[in-house]
Amino acid sequence: MQTRLPLLLGLRGNRLDDEVRAWMRERGVPAGFLLFARNIESPEQVAALADELAEACGFRPLIAVDQEGGRVQRLHFAGRLPPARQLGDWYAVAPEAALEATFLHGFLLASELRAVGANWVLGPVLDLALPQTHQIIGDRAFAAQPERVVTLAKAWADGVRAGGCLRCIKHAPGHGRAVADSHAELPIVAASADELLHDMAPFAALAPQVESVMTAHIRYPALDNEVATYSGKIMNMMRQEWGFEGLVLADDVGMKALDGDYSARITRALQAGCDVAIAALSQVQAGMAGTLFAQNDWATLRDADIPTMQGASLARLDALEIPQPPAPEQVAEMRARFLRLWADGPRRMG
């Protein structure tokens, strides 16, 4: 049985390089891989990369992508789709049509991944769109009202699963009140416990229905003085109060909200209760993780003493079952339906 490492690993370029291949032979196979723009050139190239990863692992691995629509859509060979906020605004005036379109939106984003060998969508975003919400979330959030977020995000997540991919709700326990970007600094949300309970309602509602949850690199003093990714209290809340039984991902440990050595960040997240840490190996730039490979972080990670996955974390990983991909003719039918809805909906809203 393959040794598994608790990492969702970013790659250098559009092929699996020999250095990472040799490291995997020596150390073990990551829990999965995460693709960015630097890894994506064409459908044929991404499919070939997925085949290389399968050959190196000895099985078809988990391959994740931040695939939300709007400005966060890594694969868009079949065209770009709108951000979540436009779906939420549409729902406010035409809920039935918007809800169907939201399901189709998730389906189409996921089906494009499955067509090239990827199988895990890092979404939906469950953060609330509040007046103070930082632009790093911005129109990635569906709405301001928790109940509306639950309705839309569930439809979107159902679409992703029908499109053949696993789902990951983010950024738990909520990024909506943060006025700083965790890529650049540590946000501190000085909200009361009752206010945070309001914000966390979408996570509590949907956590039992999805395969994975991604943490926020934010400190919430009303919950714990520790950053959420490092907080055993918050991890216990997810498990016990939300009833979440799936995989907990620590958001990218390269973000500047976290301090200390790159590998030490991974260790702290795992010790708090995260099952897997995202090691995107991206240079963090203004606005989001950049597409450039972070060579210094890779050098640290390559030589670090990363523990292997064991016990409950390994069992949760092994329990993940990738849905079957949809047939091409179904994808074509769903795309045509989405375009008809879109033409009759938001175009007339203005």
Protein backbone atom coordinates (compact mmCIF):
# COMPACT_ATOMS: atom_id res chain seq x y z
CA MET A 1 0.00 0.00 0.00
CA GLN A 2 1.29 3.45 -0.95
CA THR A 3 2.52 5.78 1.79
CA ARG A 4 0.31 8.87 1.72
CA LEU A 5 1.41 12.37 2.66
CA PRO A 6 -1.12 14.88 4.10
CA LEU A 7 -0.59 17.40 1.30
CA LEU A 8 -2.60 18.85 -1.54
CA LEU A 9 0.46 19.62 -3.62
CA GLY A 10 1.00 22.34 -6.19
CA LEU A 11 3.18 21.57 -9.21
CA ARG A 12 5.87 23.58 -10.97
CA GLY A 13 4.68 23.58 -14.57
CA ASN A 14 2.59 21.83 -17.18
CA ARG A 15 4.35 18.47 -16.78
CA LEU A 16 5.37 16.39 -13.77
CA ASP A 17 9.04 17.22 -13.33
CA ASP A 18 11.67 14.64 -12.47
CA GLU A 19 12.51 16.17 -9.09
CA VAL A 20 8.94 15.81 -7.76
CA ARG A 21 8.67 12.34 -9.28
CA ALA A 22 11.84 11.24 -7.45
CA TRP A 23 10.65 12.87 -4.19
CA MET A 24 7.38 10.94 -4.41
CA ARG A 25 9.23 7.65 -4.93
CA GLU A 26 11.29 8.34 -1.81
CA ARG A 27 8.74 9.97 0.50
CA GLY A 28 5.25 8.95 -0.57
CA VAL A 29 2.27 10.04 -2.61
CA PRO A 30 0.45 13.28 -1.70
CA ALA A 31 -3.22 13.09 -0.78
CA GLY A 32 -3.83 15.01 -3.99
CA PHE A 33 -2.58 17.65 -6.39
CA LEU A 34 -3.77 21.22 -6.99
CA LEU A 35 -3.63 22.82 -10.44
CA PHE A 36 -3.13 26.52 -11.12
CA ALA A 37 -2.85 28.60 -14.28
CA ARG A 38 0.85 27.71 -14.52
CA ASN A 39 -0.16 24.06 -14.96
CA ILE A 40 -2.80 24.63 -17.62
CA GLU A 41 -2.28 25.22 -21.35
CA SER A 42 -4.77 23.08 -23.26
CA PRO A 43 -7.23 20.25 -22.64
CA GLU A 44 -4.79 17.77 -24.17
CA GLN A 45 -1.92 18.98 -21.97
CA VAL A 46 -3.97 18.81 -18.75
CA ALA A 47 -5.17 15.31 -19.62
CA ALA A 48 -1.56 14.27 -20.28
CA LEU A 49 -0.50 15.74 -16.91
CA ALA A 50 -3.29 13.79 -15.19
CA ASP A 51 -2.00 10.61 -16.87
CA GLU A 52 1.56 11.38 -15.69
CA LEU A 53 0.34 11.83 -12.13
CA ALA A 54 -1.56 8.55 -12.31
CA GLU A 55 1.53 6.76 -13.60
CA ALA A 56 3.72 8.24 -10.85
CA CYS A 57 1.16 7.40 -8.11
CA GLY A 58 0.22 3.97 -9.38
CA PHE A 59 -3.48 4.95 -9.31
CA ARG A 60 -5.74 7.82 -10.40
CA PRO A 61 -5.08 10.50 -7.76
CA LEU A 62 -7.24 13.34 -6.53
CA ILE A 63 -6.63 16.40 -8.70
CA ALA A 64 -8.21 19.59 -7.38
CA VAL A 65 -8.85 22.96 -9.01
CA ASP A 66 -10.23 26.26 -7.72
CA GLN A 67 -13.12 26.32 -10.17
CA GLU A 68 -15.78 28.81 -9.07
CA GLY A 69 -16.60 30.92 -12.12
CA GLY A 70 -15.90 34.62 -12.50
CA ARG A 71 -12.31 35.55 -11.70
CA VAL A 72 -11.62 32.14 -10.10
CA GLN A 73 -11.97 29.71 -12.98
CA ARG A 74 -8.70 27.98 -13.81
CA LEU A 75 -10.09 25.90 -16.67
CA HIS A 76 -12.21 27.79 -19.18
CA PHE A 77 -11.54 26.08 -22.48
CA ALA A 78 -15.30 25.79 -23.00
CA GLY A 79 -15.88 29.44 -22.02
CA ARG A 80 -16.04 31.48 -18.84
CA LEU A 81 -18.98 31.31 -16.46
CA PRO A 82 -20.23 34.17 -14.24
CA PRO A 83 -19.32 34.64 -10.57
CA ALA A 84 -21.52 33.40 -7.75
CA ARG A 85 -22.80 36.89 -6.89
CA GLN A 86 -24.54 37.22 -10.25
CA LEU A 87 -26.39 33.99 -9.53
CA GLY A 88 -27.37 35.34 -6.11
CA ASP A 89 -28.61 38.63 -7.57
CA TRP A 90 -30.61 36.71 -10.17
CA TYR A 91 -32.14 34.52 -7.46
CA ALA A 92 -33.43 37.63 -5.70
CA VAL A 93 -35.71 38.42 -8.66
CA ALA A 94 -36.30 35.04 -10.35
CA PRO A 95 -35.53 32.26 -7.86
CA GLU A 96 -36.73 29.27 -9.86
CA ALA A 97 -34.74 30.04 -12.99
CA ALA A 98 -31.69 31.17 -11.02
CA LEU A 99 -31.67 28.02 -8.91
CA GLU A 100 -31.72 25.81 -11.99
CA ALA A 101 -28.97 27.90 -13.55
CA THR A 102 -26.92 27.60 -10.35
CA PHE A 103 -27.09 23.80 -10.52
CA LEU A 104 -26.07 23.91 -14.19
CA HIS A 105 -23.25 26.36 -13.40
CA GLY A 106 -21.71 23.91 -10.93
CA PHE A 107 -22.31 21.00 -13.31
CA LEU A 108 -20.54 22.70 -16.22
CA LEU A 109 -17.54 23.79 -14.13
CA ALA A 110 -17.10 20.26 -12.80
CA SER A 111 -17.67 18.48 -16.10
CA GLU A 112 -14.85 20.46 -17.70
CA LEU A 113 -12.49 19.22 -14.99
CA ARG A 114 -13.59 15.61 -15.40
CA ALA A 115 -13.10 15.77 -19.14
CA VAL A 116 -9.36 16.34 -18.63
CA GLY A 117 -8.76 14.04 -15.64
CA ALA A 118 -9.31 16.37 -12.66
CA ASN A 119 -11.95 15.38 -10.10
CA TRP A 120 -12.19 17.81 -7.17
CA VAL A 121 -13.71 21.29 -7.22
CA LEU A 122 -12.55 23.53 -4.37
CA GLY A 123 -15.93 25.18 -3.89
CA PRO A 124 -18.56 26.35 -3.18
CA VAL A 125 -17.70 29.53 -1.28
CA LEU A 126 -20.05 29.83 1.72
CA ASP A 127 -18.75 33.17 3.00
CA LEU A 128 -21.41 35.86 3.39
CA ALA A 129 -21.33 38.93 1.15
CA LEU A 130 -21.46 41.58 3.88
CA PRO A 131 -20.87 45.33 3.45
CA GLN A 132 -17.36 45.04 4.88
CA THR A 133 -16.37 41.83 3.04
CA HIS A 134 -12.91 42.18 1.55
CA GLN A 135 -12.66 42.19 -2.22
CA ILE A 136 -10.59 38.99 -2.10
CA ILE A 137 -13.98 37.34 -1.56
CA GLY A 138 -16.17 39.98 -3.19
CA ASP A 139 -18.37 38.56 -5.93
CA ARG A 140 -17.21 35.02 -5.17
CA ALA A 141 -19.89 35.00 -2.41
CA PHE A 142 -23.48 34.17 -3.40
CA ALA A 143 -25.35 36.52 -1.07
CA ALA A 144 -25.52 38.25 2.31
CA GLN A 145 -28.33 36.12 3.77
CA PRO A 146 -27.29 32.74 5.24
CA GLU A 147 -30.47 31.00 4.11
CA ARG A 148 -29.98 32.24 0.54
CA VAL A 149 -26.36 31.09 0.58
CA VAL A 150 -27.47 27.64 1.76
CA THR A 151 -30.06 27.31 -1.01
CA LEU A 152 -27.75 28.46 -3.80
CA ALA A 153 -24.62 26.70 -2.58
CA LYS A 154 -26.49 23.40 -2.18
CA ALA A 155 -27.78 23.63 -5.75
CA TRP A 156 -24.29 24.47 -6.99
CA ALA A 157 -22.70 21.65 -4.98
CA ASP A 158 -25.30 19.20 -6.29
CA GLY A 159 -24.39 20.33 -9.80
CA VAL A 160 -20.70 19.76 -9.14
CA ARG A 161 -21.36 16.22 -7.98
CA ALA A 162 -23.57 15.52 -10.99
CA GLY A 163 -20.71 16.87 -13.11
CA GLY A 164 -18.42 14.20 -11.69
CA CYS A 165 -16.39 15.95 -9.00
CA LEU A 166 -15.95 16.09 -5.23
CA ARG A 167 -16.78 19.35 -3.42
CA CYS A 168 -15.09 21.51 -0.76
CA ILE A 169 -16.95 24.22 1.17
CA LYS A 170 -14.82 27.24 2.09
CA HIS A 171 -13.56 29.28 3.96
CA ALA A 172 -14.62 27.88 7.34
CA PRO A 173 -15.81 29.23 9.69
CA GLY A 174 -16.44 32.25 7.44
CA HIS A 175 -14.51 35.02 5.67
CA GLY A 176 -17.36 37.51 5.25
CA ARG A 177 -16.48 39.82 8.17
CA ALA A 178 -12.77 39.90 7.37
CA VAL A 179 -11.59 43.29 6.14
CA ALA A 180 -8.07 42.06 5.30
CA ASP A 181 -6.80 39.58 2.73
CA SER A 182 -5.29 36.49 4.32
CA HIS A 183 -2.98 36.11 1.33
CA ALA A 184 -1.26 39.30 2.53
CA GLU A 185 -1.84 39.48 6.32
CA LEU A 186 -3.68 37.87 9.22
CA PRO A 187 -7.31 39.08 9.43
CA ILE A 188 -8.79 39.34 12.92
CA VAL A 189 -12.58 39.22 13.09
CA ALA A 190 -13.71 40.87 16.31
CA ALA A 191 -17.31 39.68 16.09
CA SER A 192 -19.37 38.27 18.92
CA ALA A 193 -20.14 34.59 19.26
CA ASP A 194 -23.74 35.25 18.20
CA GLU A 195 -22.61 37.14 15.10
CA LEU A 196 -20.27 34.31 14.18
CA LEU A 197 -23.03 31.77 14.73
CA HIS A 198 -25.06 33.70 12.15
CA ASP A 199 -22.14 33.71 9.71
CA MET A 200 -21.42 30.01 10.19
CA ALA A 201 -24.98 28.88 9.49
CA PRO A 202 -24.25 27.89 5.86
CA PHE A 203 -21.28 25.77 6.94
CA ALA A 204 -23.28 24.07 9.67
CA ALA A 205 -26.09 23.34 7.20
CA LEU A 206 -23.99 21.97 4.34
CA ALA A 207 -21.01 20.37 6.10
CA PRO A 208 -22.73 16.99 6.56
CA GLN A 209 -23.54 16.88 2.82
CA VAL A 210 -20.10 17.47 1.27
CA GLU A 211 -16.78 15.65 1.14
CA SER A 212 -14.39 18.33 2.39
CA VAL A 213 -14.10 21.65 4.21
CA MET A 214 -11.35 24.26 3.78
CA THR A 215 -10.26 26.38 6.75
CA ALA A 216 -9.77 30.14 6.86
CA HIS A 217 -6.48 31.67 7.97
CA ILE A 218 -8.34 34.10 10.24
CA ARG A 219 -8.41 34.65 13.99
CA TYR A 220 -11.81 34.84 15.70
CA PRO A 221 -11.21 35.83 19.34
CA ALA A 222 -14.80 34.96 20.31
CA LEU A 223 -14.10 31.36 19.29
CA ASP A 224 -10.38 30.99 20.05
CA ASN A 225 -7.29 33.17 20.21
CA GLU A 226 -5.60 30.84 17.73
CA VAL A 227 -5.89 31.17 13.95
CA ALA A 228 -8.75 28.93 12.75
CA THR A 229 -6.38 26.67 10.78
CA TYR A 230 -4.41 26.05 13.98
CA SER A 231 -7.40 25.86 16.34
CA GLY A 232 -8.34 22.53 17.87
CA LYS A 233 -11.46 24.21 19.30
CA ILE A 234 -12.68 25.21 15.86
CA MET A 235 -11.86 21.78 14.44
CA ASN A 236 -13.89 20.17 17.24
CA MET A 237 -16.77 22.55 16.49
CA MET A 238 -16.77 21.41 12.85
CA ARG A 239 -16.80 17.77 13.83
CA GLN A 240 -19.17 17.88 16.79
CA GLU A 241 -21.53 20.80 16.19
CA TRP A 242 -21.63 20.74 12.38
CA GLY A 243 -21.54 16.94 12.20
CA PHE A 244 -18.79 17.00 9.59
CA GLU A 245 -17.20 13.61 8.93
CA GLY A 246 -15.18 14.36 5.80
CA LEU A 247 -11.73 15.71 5.04
CA VAL A 248 -10.58 19.04 6.55
CA LEU A 249 -8.16 20.96 4.34
CA ALA A 250 -5.93 23.70 5.69
CA ASP A 251 -5.99 26.53 3.15
CA ASP A 252 -2.71 27.24 1.40
CA VAL A 253 0.00 27.37 4.07
CA GLY A 254 2.04 29.77 1.91
CA MET A 255 -0.30 32.67 2.68
CA LYS A 256 1.16 35.53 4.66
CA ALA A 257 -1.54 35.26 7.33
CA LEU A 258 0.57 32.44 8.75
CA ASP A 259 4.07 32.92 10.03
CA GLY A 260 7.01 30.65 10.66
CA ASP A 261 8.72 27.98 8.61
CA TYR A 262 6.72 26.56 5.69
CA SER A 263 6.87 22.98 6.94
CA ALA A 264 6.15 24.04 10.53
CA ARG A 265 2.90 25.59 9.33
CA ILE A 266 1.86 22.22 7.92
CA THR A 267 2.71 20.49 11.19
CA ARG A 268 0.70 22.98 13.25
CA ALA A 269 -2.36 22.60 11.00
CA LEU A 270 -2.20 18.81 11.23
CA GLN A 271 -1.75 18.90 15.00
CA ALA A 272 -4.87 21.08 15.32
CA GLY A 273 -6.97 18.52 13.48
CA CYS A 274 -6.66 19.29 9.77
CA ASP A 275 -6.38 16.11 7.71
CA VAL A 276 -4.51 17.65 4.77
CA ALA A 277 -2.65 20.93 4.21
CA ILE A 278 -2.66 22.75 0.89
CA ALA A 279 0.95 23.28 -0.19
CA ALA A 280 0.22 25.30 -3.33
CA LEU A 281 3.87 26.34 -3.73
CA SER A 282 2.69 29.60 -5.29
CA GLN A 283 4.28 32.98 -4.89
CA VAL A 284 1.65 35.02 -3.09
CA GLN A 285 1.05 38.33 -4.83
CA ALA A 286 -1.47 41.13 -4.39
CA GLY A 287 -4.99 39.83 -4.72
CA MET A 288 -4.46 36.07 -4.62
CA ALA A 289 -1.91 33.30 -4.93
CA GLY A 290 0.19 33.99 -7.98
CA THR A 291 0.86 31.60 -10.80
CA LEU A 292 4.62 31.59 -10.25
CA PHE A 293 6.19 28.59 -8.53
CA ALA A 294 7.70 29.29 -5.09
CA GLN A 295 11.07 27.56 -5.35
CA ASN A 296 12.12 28.43 -1.78
CA ASP A 297 8.97 26.88 -0.31
CA TRP A 298 9.50 23.76 -2.40
CA ALA A 299 13.08 23.45 -1.14
CA THR A 300 11.80 23.63 2.46
CA LEU A 301 9.00 21.17 1.84
CA ARG A 302 11.25 18.76 -0.07
CA ASP A 303 13.60 18.42 2.90
CA ALA A 304 10.97 18.60 5.66
CA ASP A 305 9.98 15.74 7.92
CA ILE A 306 6.30 15.57 6.90
CA PRO A 307 4.36 12.85 8.78
CA THR A 308 2.51 10.23 6.80
CA MET A 309 -1.28 9.99 6.87
CA GLN A 310 -2.60 7.51 9.41
CA GLY A 311 -5.67 6.67 11.46
CA ALA A 312 -8.85 8.71 10.98
CA SER A 313 -7.32 11.09 8.44
CA LEU A 314 -6.22 8.27 6.17
CA ALA A 315 -9.62 6.59 6.58
CA ARG A 316 -11.38 9.81 5.55
CA LEU A 317 -9.16 10.09 2.48
CA ASP A 318 -9.75 6.47 1.51
CA ALA A 319 -13.51 6.92 1.97
CA LEU A 320 -13.74 9.55 -0.77
CA GLU A 321 -15.56 8.21 -3.81
CA ILE A 322 -15.23 10.20 -7.01
CA PRO A 323 -18.58 10.42 -8.84
CA GLN A 324 -18.97 9.10 -12.36
CA PRO A 325 -18.41 11.69 -15.10
CA PRO A 326 -21.36 12.77 -17.22
CA ALA A 327 -21.68 11.72 -20.85
CA PRO A 328 -20.57 14.31 -23.45
CA GLU A 329 -24.08 14.56 -24.86
CA GLN A 330 -25.43 15.37 -21.39
CA VAL A 331 -22.82 18.12 -20.99
CA ALA A 332 -23.83 19.61 -24.33
CA GLU A 333 -27.51 19.54 -23.35
CA MET A 334 -26.81 21.14 -19.97
CA ARG A 335 -24.67 23.87 -21.55
CA ALA A 336 -27.41 24.72 -24.04
CA ARG A 337 -29.96 24.89 -21.22
CA PHE A 338 -27.74 27.18 -19.14
CA LEU A 339 -27.23 29.53 -22.08
CA ARG A 340 -30.98 29.73 -22.70
CA LEU A 341 -31.64 30.53 -19.05
CA TRP A 342 -28.85 33.11 -18.98
CA ALA A 343 -30.12 34.83 -22.11
CA ASP A 344 -33.66 35.06 -20.69
CA GLY A 345 -32.57 36.02 -17.17
CA PRO A 346 -29.79 38.44 -16.21
CA ARG A 347 -29.84 40.08 -19.65
CA ARG A 348 -33.32 41.33 -18.85
CA MET A 349 -32.58 42.26 -15.24
CA GLY A 350 -30.80 45.46 -16.24
